[in-house]
Protein backbone atom coordinates (compact mmCIF):
# COMPACT_ATOMS: atom_id res chain seq x y z
CA UNK A 1 89.08 92.74 94.64
CA UNK A 2 89.82 93.62 98.28
CA UNK A 3 93.42 94.43 99.17
CA UNK A 4 95.45 94.58 102.38
CA UNK A 5 94.49 97.56 104.54
CA UNK A 6 90.96 97.90 103.19
CA UNK A 7 87.79 97.41 105.22
CA UNK A 8 85.72 95.18 102.91
CA UNK A 9 83.26 94.13 105.64
CA UNK A 10 82.48 90.90 107.45
CA UNK A 11 83.18 87.73 105.54
CA UNK A 12 85.77 85.26 104.37
CA UNK A 13 88.46 86.27 101.90
CA UNK A 14 90.82 83.99 99.98
CA UNK A 15 94.38 84.95 98.97
CA UNK A 16 94.63 85.08 95.18
CA UNK A 17 98.18 83.70 95.30
CA UNK A 18 98.13 80.76 97.73
CA UNK A 19 94.44 80.26 98.58
CA UNK A 20 94.75 80.84 102.36
CA UNK A 21 91.45 82.09 103.79
CA UNK A 22 91.10 84.99 106.22
CA UNK A 23 87.87 85.66 108.14
CA UNK A 24 86.85 89.17 109.16
CA UNK A 25 84.28 89.24 111.96
CA UNK A 26 83.67 92.99 112.10
CA UNK A 27 82.89 95.59 109.43
CA UNK A 28 85.63 97.84 110.88
CA UNK A 29 88.40 95.21 110.65
CA UNK A 30 91.10 95.87 108.08
CA UNK A 31 92.19 93.08 105.77
CA UNK A 32 95.71 91.92 106.76
CA UNK A 33 98.38 90.67 104.40
CA UNK A 34 98.02 86.97 103.76
CA UNK A 35 99.21 85.18 106.92
CA UNK A 36 100.68 82.35 104.83
CA UNK A 37 102.52 84.16 102.01
CA UNK A 38 102.14 87.92 102.64
CA UNK A 39 100.37 88.60 99.32
CA UNK A 40 98.03 91.65 99.46
CA UNK A 41 95.19 90.61 97.12
CA UNK A 42 92.10 88.61 98.06
CA UNK A 43 88.81 87.43 96.60
CA UNK A 44 85.65 87.24 98.67
CA UNK A 45 84.47 83.67 99.33
CA UNK A 46 80.76 83.32 98.67
């Protein structure tokens, strides 16, 4: 489970609390806190 601050790689990640999706377009991008609720845990969207 990717968390805020990690570099999980390109892809779409969904907040485990509110469901907001965040897209990372570069392998070097760090996962931000959820832009909707600030929660730090995400699941990768397949």
